[in-house]
Amino acid sequence: MCSDPSYPCVPLRPLSDEAAVEILDFLQVFTNDFENRYGNQIRRYYDSRSRHNILQTNPAGNAHDPPF
């Protein structure tokens, strides 16, 4: 990850294998609990953004003029 110049790399201290696994397990449980608690809000946020991006207006277009 840190070899990619476009990725902002945060220097981290080396960890033992056991510590790395314990931290990963904690982050997975935390993320799962967070999604369970705030999942509806997260979906609402992304749904509103995707609908906004899908809706397109064509102010120069004429409803009686076919596109081709």
PDB file of N, CA and C in Angstrom:
ATOM      1  N   MET A   1       0.814  -1.196   0.000  1.00  0.00           N
ATOM      2  CA  MET A   1       0.000   0.000   0.000  1.00  0.00           C
ATOM      3  C   MET A   1       0.852   1.252   0.000  1.00  0.00           C
ATOM      4  N   CYS A   2       1.860   1.282   0.810  1.00  0.00           N
ATOM      5  CA  CYS A   2       2.663   2.495   0.920  1.00  0.00           C
ATOM      6  C   CYS A   2       3.526   2.731  -0.307  1.00  0.00           C
ATOM      7  N   SER A   3       3.637   1.746  -1.174  1.00  0.00           N
ATOM      8  CA  SER A   3       4.442   1.936  -2.376  1.00  0.00           C
ATOM      9  C   SER A   3       3.690   2.739  -3.440  1.00  0.00           C
ATOM     10  N   ASP A   4       2.375   2.894  -3.295  1.00  0.00           N
ATOM     11  CA  ASP A   4       1.565   3.668  -4.244  1.00  0.00           C
ATOM     12  C   ASP A   4       1.652   5.143  -3.862  1.00  0.00           C
ATOM     13  N   PRO A   5       2.256   6.003  -4.712  1.00  0.00           N
ATOM     14  CA  PRO A   5       2.419   7.410  -4.348  1.00  0.00           C
ATOM     15  C   PRO A   5       1.093   8.175  -4.232  1.00  0.00           C
ATOM     16  N   SER A   6       0.022   7.677  -4.842  1.00  0.00           N
ATOM     17  CA  SER A   6      -1.262   8.378  -4.761  1.00  0.00           C
ATOM     18  C   SER A   6      -2.021   8.022  -3.482  1.00  0.00           C
ATOM     19  N   TYR A   7      -1.554   7.023  -2.735  1.00  0.00           N
ATOM     20  CA  TYR A   7      -2.216   6.593  -1.505  1.00  0.00           C
ATOM     21  C   TYR A   7      -1.536   7.241  -0.312  1.00  0.00           C
ATOM     22  N   PRO A   8      -2.293   7.994   0.495  1.00  0.00           N
ATOM     23  CA  PRO A   8      -1.664   8.629   1.668  1.00  0.00           C
ATOM     24  C   PRO A   8      -1.306   7.568   2.711  1.00  0.00           C
ATOM     25  N   CYS A   9      -0.058   7.331   2.894  1.00  0.00           N
ATOM     26  CA  CYS A   9       0.411   6.265   3.766  1.00  0.00           C
ATOM     27  C   CYS A   9       0.643   6.790   5.181  1.00  0.00           C
ATOM     28  N   VAL A  10       0.059   6.090   6.143  1.00  0.00           N
ATOM     29  CA  VAL A  10       0.273   6.410   7.543  1.00  0.00           C
ATOM     30  C   VAL A  10       1.269   5.395   8.079  1.00  0.00           C
ATOM     31  N   PRO A  11       2.394   5.860   8.564  1.00  0.00           N
ATOM     32  CA  PRO A  11       3.378   4.892   9.068  1.00  0.00           C
ATOM     33  C   PRO A  11       2.847   4.186  10.318  1.00  0.00           C
ATOM     34  N   LEU A  12       2.887   2.880  10.300  1.00  0.00           N
ATOM     35  CA  LEU A  12       2.421   2.077  11.422  1.00  0.00           C
ATOM     36  C   LEU A  12       3.580   1.262  11.987  1.00  0.00           C
ATOM     37  N   ARG A  13       3.514   1.040  13.287  1.00  0.00           N
ATOM     38  CA  ARG A  13       4.547   0.228  13.935  1.00  0.00           C
ATOM     39  C   ARG A  13       4.352  -1.235  13.565  1.00  0.00           C
ATOM     40  N   PRO A  14       5.418  -1.992  13.528  1.00  0.00           N
ATOM     41  CA  PRO A  14       5.288  -3.414  13.257  1.00  0.00           C
ATOM     42  C   PRO A  14       4.498  -4.101  14.376  1.00  0.00           C
ATOM     43  N   LEU A  15       3.740  -5.124  14.005  1.00  0.00           N
ATOM     44  CA  LEU A  15       2.943  -5.891  14.957  1.00  0.00           C
ATOM     45  C   LEU A  15       3.305  -7.359  14.870  1.00  0.00           C
ATOM     46  N   SER A  16       3.079  -8.049  15.957  1.00  0.00           N
ATOM     47  CA  SER A  16       3.219  -9.500  15.908  1.00  0.00           C
ATOM     48  C   SER A  16       2.055 -10.049  15.098  1.00  0.00           C
ATOM     49  N   ASP A  17       2.178 -11.265  14.634  1.00  0.00           N
ATOM     50  CA  ASP A  17       1.092 -11.902  13.880  1.00  0.00           C
ATOM     51  C   ASP A  17      -0.178 -11.937  14.720  1.00  0.00           C
ATOM     52  N   GLU A  18      -0.042 -12.305  15.994  1.00  0.00           N
ATOM     53  CA  GLU A  18      -1.202 -12.404  16.872  1.00  0.00           C
ATOM     54  C   GLU A  18      -1.878 -11.044  17.060  1.00  0.00           C
ATOM     55  N   ALA A  19      -1.089 -10.002  17.256  1.00  0.00           N
ATOM     56  CA  ALA A  19      -1.664  -8.671  17.436  1.00  0.00           C
ATOM     57  C   ALA A  19      -2.381  -8.208  16.182  1.00  0.00           C
ATOM     58  N   ALA A  20      -1.801  -8.475  15.016  1.00  0.00           N
ATOM     59  CA  ALA A  20      -2.436  -8.083  13.754  1.00  0.00           C
ATOM     60  C   ALA A  20      -3.787  -8.774  13.596  1.00  0.00           C
ATOM     61  N   VAL A  21      -3.864 -10.056  13.940  1.00  0.00           N
ATOM     62  CA  VAL A  21      -5.120 -10.808  13.822  1.00  0.00           C
ATOM     63  C   VAL A  21      -6.137 -10.282  14.833  1.00  0.00           C
ATOM     64  N   GLU A  22      -5.712  -9.999  16.055  1.00  0.00           N
ATOM     65  CA  GLU A  22      -6.639  -9.487  17.067  1.00  0.00           C
ATOM     66  C   GLU A  22      -7.211  -8.125  16.664  1.00  0.00           C
ATOM     67  N   ILE A  23      -6.373  -7.274  16.114  1.00  0.00           N
ATOM     68  CA  ILE A  23      -6.856  -5.955  15.663  1.00  0.00           C
ATOM     69  C   ILE A  23      -7.817  -6.127  14.491  1.00  0.00           C
ATOM     70  N   LEU A  24      -7.484  -6.994  13.552  1.00  0.00           N
ATOM     71  CA  LEU A  24      -8.374  -7.247  12.422  1.00  0.00           C
ATOM     72  C   LEU A  24      -9.714  -7.778  12.898  1.00  0.00           C
ATOM     73  N   ASP A  25      -9.704  -8.724  13.834  1.00  0.00           N
ATOM     74  CA  ASP A  25     -10.956  -9.263  14.370  1.00  0.00           C
ATOM     75  C   ASP A  25     -11.787  -8.165  15.022  1.00  0.00           C
ATOM     76  N   PHE A  26     -11.139  -7.304  15.800  1.00  0.00           N
ATOM     77  CA  PHE A  26     -11.845  -6.195  16.436  1.00  0.00           C
ATOM     78  C   PHE A  26     -12.471  -5.278  15.395  1.00  0.00           C
ATOM     79  N   LEU A  27     -11.714  -4.928  14.359  1.00  0.00           N
ATOM     80  CA  LEU A  27     -12.233  -4.018  13.322  1.00  0.00           C
ATOM     81  C   LEU A  27     -13.409  -4.648  12.581  1.00  0.00           C
ATOM     82  N   GLN A  28     -13.349  -5.954  12.333  1.00  0.00           N
ATOM     83  CA  GLN A  28     -14.463  -6.617  11.656  1.00  0.00           C
ATOM     84  C   GLN A  28     -15.716  -6.624  12.523  1.00  0.00           C
ATOM     85  N   VAL A  29     -15.573  -6.906  13.813  1.00  0.00           N
ATOM     86  CA  VAL A  29     -16.719  -6.894  14.720  1.00  0.00           C
ATOM     87  C   VAL A  29     -17.264  -5.478  14.839  1.00  0.00           C
ATOM     88  N   PHE A  30     -16.378  -4.496  14.978  1.00  0.00           N
ATOM     89  CA  PHE A  30     -16.799  -3.106  15.083  1.00  0.00           C
ATOM     90  C   PHE A  30     -17.557  -2.676  13.829  1.00  0.00           C
ATOM     91  N   THR A  31     -17.015  -2.996  12.654  1.00  0.00           N
ATOM     92  CA  THR A  31     -17.660  -2.618  11.397  1.00  0.00           C
ATOM     93  C   THR A  31     -19.021  -3.282  11.268  1.00  0.00           C
ATOM     94  N   ASN A  32     -19.113  -4.540  11.610  1.00  0.00           N
ATOM     95  CA  ASN A  32     -20.388  -5.253  11.542  1.00  0.00           C
ATOM     96  C   ASN A  32     -21.409  -4.613  12.483  1.00  0.00           C
ATOM     97  N   ASP A  33     -21.005  -4.336  13.724  1.00  0.00           N
ATOM     98  CA  ASP A  33     -21.908  -3.694  14.685  1.00  0.00           C
ATOM     99  C   ASP A  33     -22.316  -2.302  14.215  1.00  0.00           C
ATOM    100  N   PHE A  34     -21.386  -1.565  13.657  1.00  0.00           N
ATOM    101  CA  PHE A  34     -21.663  -0.212  13.152  1.00  0.00           C
ATOM    102  C   PHE A  34     -22.677  -0.261  12.018  1.00  0.00           C
ATOM    103  N   GLU A  35     -22.484  -1.200  11.073  1.00  0.00           N
ATOM    104  CA  GLU A  35     -23.419  -1.345   9.957  1.00  0.00           C
ATOM    105  C   GLU A  35     -24.795  -1.788  10.439  1.00  0.00           C
ATOM    106  N   ASN A  36     -24.831  -2.679  11.432  1.00  0.00           N
ATOM    107  CA  ASN A  36     -26.119  -3.101  11.976  1.00  0.00           C
ATOM    108  C   ASN A  36     -26.852  -1.933  12.625  1.00  0.00           C
ATOM    109  N   ARG A  37     -26.124  -1.078  13.310  1.00  0.00           N
ATOM    110  CA  ARG A  37     -26.742   0.045  14.018  1.00  0.00           C
ATOM    111  C   ARG A  37     -27.119   1.178  13.073  1.00  0.00           C
ATOM    112  N   TYR A  38     -26.268   1.508  12.127  1.00  0.00           N
ATOM    113  CA  TYR A  38     -26.467   2.676  11.275  1.00  0.00           C
ATOM    114  C   TYR A  38     -26.731   2.324   9.812  1.00  0.00           C
ATOM    115  N   GLY A  39     -26.999   1.048   9.526  1.00  0.00           N
ATOM    116  CA  GLY A  39     -27.175   0.610   8.140  1.00  0.00           C
ATOM    117  C   GLY A  39     -28.275   1.335   7.396  1.00  0.00           C
ATOM    118  N   ASN A  40     -29.427   1.564   8.043  1.00  0.00           N
ATOM    119  CA  ASN A  40     -30.523   2.267   7.367  1.00  0.00           C
ATOM    120  C   ASN A  40     -30.122   3.682   6.997  1.00  0.00           C
ATOM    121  N   GLN A  41     -29.433   4.354   7.889  1.00  0.00           N
ATOM    122  CA  GLN A  41     -28.987   5.714   7.592  1.00  0.00           C
ATOM    123  C   GLN A  41     -27.951   5.723   6.468  1.00  0.00           C
ATOM    124  N   ILE A  42     -27.058   4.763   6.485  1.00  0.00           N
ATOM    125  CA  ILE A  42     -26.031   4.680   5.447  1.00  0.00           C
ATOM    126  C   ILE A  42     -26.679   4.422   4.092  1.00  0.00           C
ATOM    127  N   ARG A  43     -27.651   3.488   4.051  1.00  0.00           N
ATOM    128  CA  ARG A  43     -28.349   3.209   2.792  1.00  0.00           C
ATOM    129  C   ARG A  43     -29.119   4.437   2.305  1.00  0.00           C
ATOM    130  N   ARG A  44     -29.796   5.124   3.226  1.00  0.00           N
ATOM    131  CA  ARG A  44     -30.539   6.334   2.845  1.00  0.00           C
ATOM    132  C   ARG A  44     -29.599   7.364   2.229  1.00  0.00           C
ATOM    133  N   TYR A  45     -28.452   7.536   2.824  1.00  0.00           N
ATOM    134  CA  TYR A  45     -27.468   8.500   2.315  1.00  0.00           C
ATOM    135  C   TYR A  45     -27.051   8.143   0.883  1.00  0.00           C
ATOM    136  N   TYR A  46     -26.649   6.893   0.679  1.00  0.00           N
ATOM    137  CA  TYR A  46     -26.196   6.491  -0.655  1.00  0.00           C
ATOM    138  C   TYR A  46     -27.343   6.442  -1.660  1.00  0.00           C
ATOM    139  N   ASP A  47     -28.545   6.050  -1.222  1.00  0.00           N
ATOM    140  CA  ASP A  47     -29.696   6.055  -2.127  1.00  0.00           C
ATOM    141  C   ASP A  47     -30.011   7.465  -2.604  1.00  0.00           C
ATOM    142  N   SER A  48     -29.973   8.421  -1.700  1.00  0.00           N
ATOM    143  CA  SER A  48     -30.271   9.804  -2.105  1.00  0.00           C
ATOM    144  C   SER A  48     -29.210  10.329  -3.063  1.00  0.00           C
ATOM    145  N   ARG A  49     -27.961   9.927  -2.862  1.00  0.00           N
ATOM    146  CA  ARG A  49     -26.891  10.373  -3.770  1.00  0.00           C
ATOM    147  C   ARG A  49     -27.025   9.710  -5.129  1.00  0.00           C
ATOM    148  N   SER A  50     -27.382   8.430  -5.161  1.00  0.00           N
ATOM    149  CA  SER A  50     -27.464   7.753  -6.452  1.00  0.00           C
ATOM    150  C   SER A  50     -28.655   8.259  -7.250  1.00  0.00           C
ATOM    151  N   ARG A  51     -29.789   8.539  -6.582  1.00  0.00           N
ATOM    152  CA  ARG A  51     -30.945   9.084  -7.297  1.00  0.00           C
ATOM    153  C   ARG A  51     -30.608  10.458  -7.865  1.00  0.00           C
ATOM    154  N   HIS A  52     -29.860  11.244  -7.106  1.00  0.00           N
ATOM    155  CA  HIS A  52     -29.468  12.574  -7.576  1.00  0.00           C
ATOM    156  C   HIS A  52     -28.603  12.458  -8.832  1.00  0.00           C
ATOM    157  N   ASN A  53     -27.720  11.479  -8.882  1.00  0.00           N
ATOM    158  CA  ASN A  53     -26.843  11.298 -10.037  1.00  0.00           C
ATOM    159  C   ASN A  53     -27.573  10.709 -11.232  1.00  0.00           C
ATOM    160  N   ILE A  54     -28.637   9.947 -10.982  1.00  0.00           N
ATOM    161  CA  ILE A  54     -29.379   9.331 -12.081  1.00  0.00           C
ATOM    162  C   ILE A  54     -30.260  10.356 -12.780  1.00  0.00           C
ATOM    163  N   LEU A  55     -30.878  11.244 -12.009  1.00  0.00           N
ATOM    164  CA  LEU A  55     -31.774  12.238 -12.596  1.00  0.00           C
ATOM    165  C   LEU A  55     -30.971  13.228 -13.428  1.00  0.00           C
ATOM    166  N   GLN A  56     -31.359  13.351 -14.663  1.00  0.00           N
ATOM    167  CA  GLN A  56     -30.673  14.278 -15.555  1.00  0.00           C
ATOM    168  C   GLN A  56     -31.719  15.151 -16.223  1.00  0.00           C
ATOM    169  N   THR A  57     -31.441  16.410 -16.287  1.00  0.00           N
ATOM    170  CA  THR A  57     -32.341  17.324 -16.976  1.00  0.00           C
ATOM    171  C   THR A  57     -31.690  17.749 -18.276  1.00  0.00           C
ATOM    172  N   ASN A  58     -32.525  17.997 -19.243  1.00  0.00           N
ATOM    173  CA  ASN A  58     -32.034  18.436 -20.541  1.00  0.00           C
ATOM    174  C   ASN A  58     -32.751  19.741 -20.877  1.00  0.00           C
ATOM    175  N   PRO A  59     -32.235  20.872 -20.399  1.00  0.00           N
ATOM    176  CA  PRO A  59     -32.929  22.139 -20.616  1.00  0.00           C
ATOM    177  C   PRO A  59     -33.004  22.535 -22.085  1.00  0.00           C
ATOM    178  N   ALA A  60     -32.083  22.069 -22.921  1.00  0.00           N
ATOM    179  CA  ALA A  60     -32.101  22.444 -24.326  1.00  0.00           C
ATOM    180  C   ALA A  60     -33.001  21.531 -25.157  1.00  0.00           C
ATOM    181  N   GLY A  61     -33.403  20.413 -24.580  1.00  0.00           N
ATOM    182  CA  GLY A  61     -34.206  19.452 -25.322  1.00  0.00           C
ATOM    183  C   GLY A  61     -35.648  19.891 -25.468  1.00  0.00           C
ATOM    184  N   ASN A  62     -36.298  19.406 -26.527  1.00  0.00           N
ATOM    185  CA  ASN A  62     -37.690  19.702 -26.781  1.00  0.00           C
ATOM    186  C   ASN A  62     -38.460  18.382 -26.742  1.00  0.00           C
ATOM    187  N   ALA A  63     -39.557  18.339 -25.993  1.00  0.00           N
ATOM    188  CA  ALA A  63     -40.318  17.092 -25.842  1.00  0.00           C
ATOM    189  C   ALA A  63     -40.924  16.640 -27.160  1.00  0.00           C
ATOM    190  N   HIS A  64     -41.143  17.547 -28.097  1.00  0.00           N
ATOM    191  CA  HIS A  64     -41.743  17.194 -29.382  1.00  0.00           C
ATOM    192  C   HIS A  64     -40.703  16.899 -30.458  1.00  0.00           C
ATOM    193  N   ASP A  65     -39.454  17.127 -30.133  1.00  0.00           N
ATOM    194  CA  ASP A  65     -38.367  16.906 -31.093  1.00  0.00           C
ATOM    195  C   ASP A  65     -37.688  15.577 -30.759  1.00  0.00           C
ATOM    196  N   PRO A  66     -37.785  14.567 -31.678  1.00  0.00           N
ATOM    197  CA  PRO A  66     -37.134  13.280 -31.400  1.00  0.00           C
ATOM    198  C   PRO A  66     -35.628  13.443 -31.314  1.00  0.00           C
ATOM    199  N   PRO A  67     -34.940  12.593 -30.540  1.00  0.00           N
ATOM    200  CA  PRO A  67     -33.495  12.758 -30.343  1.00  0.00           C
ATOM    201  C   PRO A  67     -32.665  12.453 -31.577  1.00  0.00           C
ATOM    202  N   PHE A  68     -33.237  11.750 -32.576  1.00  0.00           N
ATOM    203  CA  PHE A  68     -32.449  11.415 -33.778  1.00  0.00           C
ATOM    204  C   PHE A  68     -33.133  11.918 -35.027  1.00  0.00           C
TER     205      PHE A  68
END
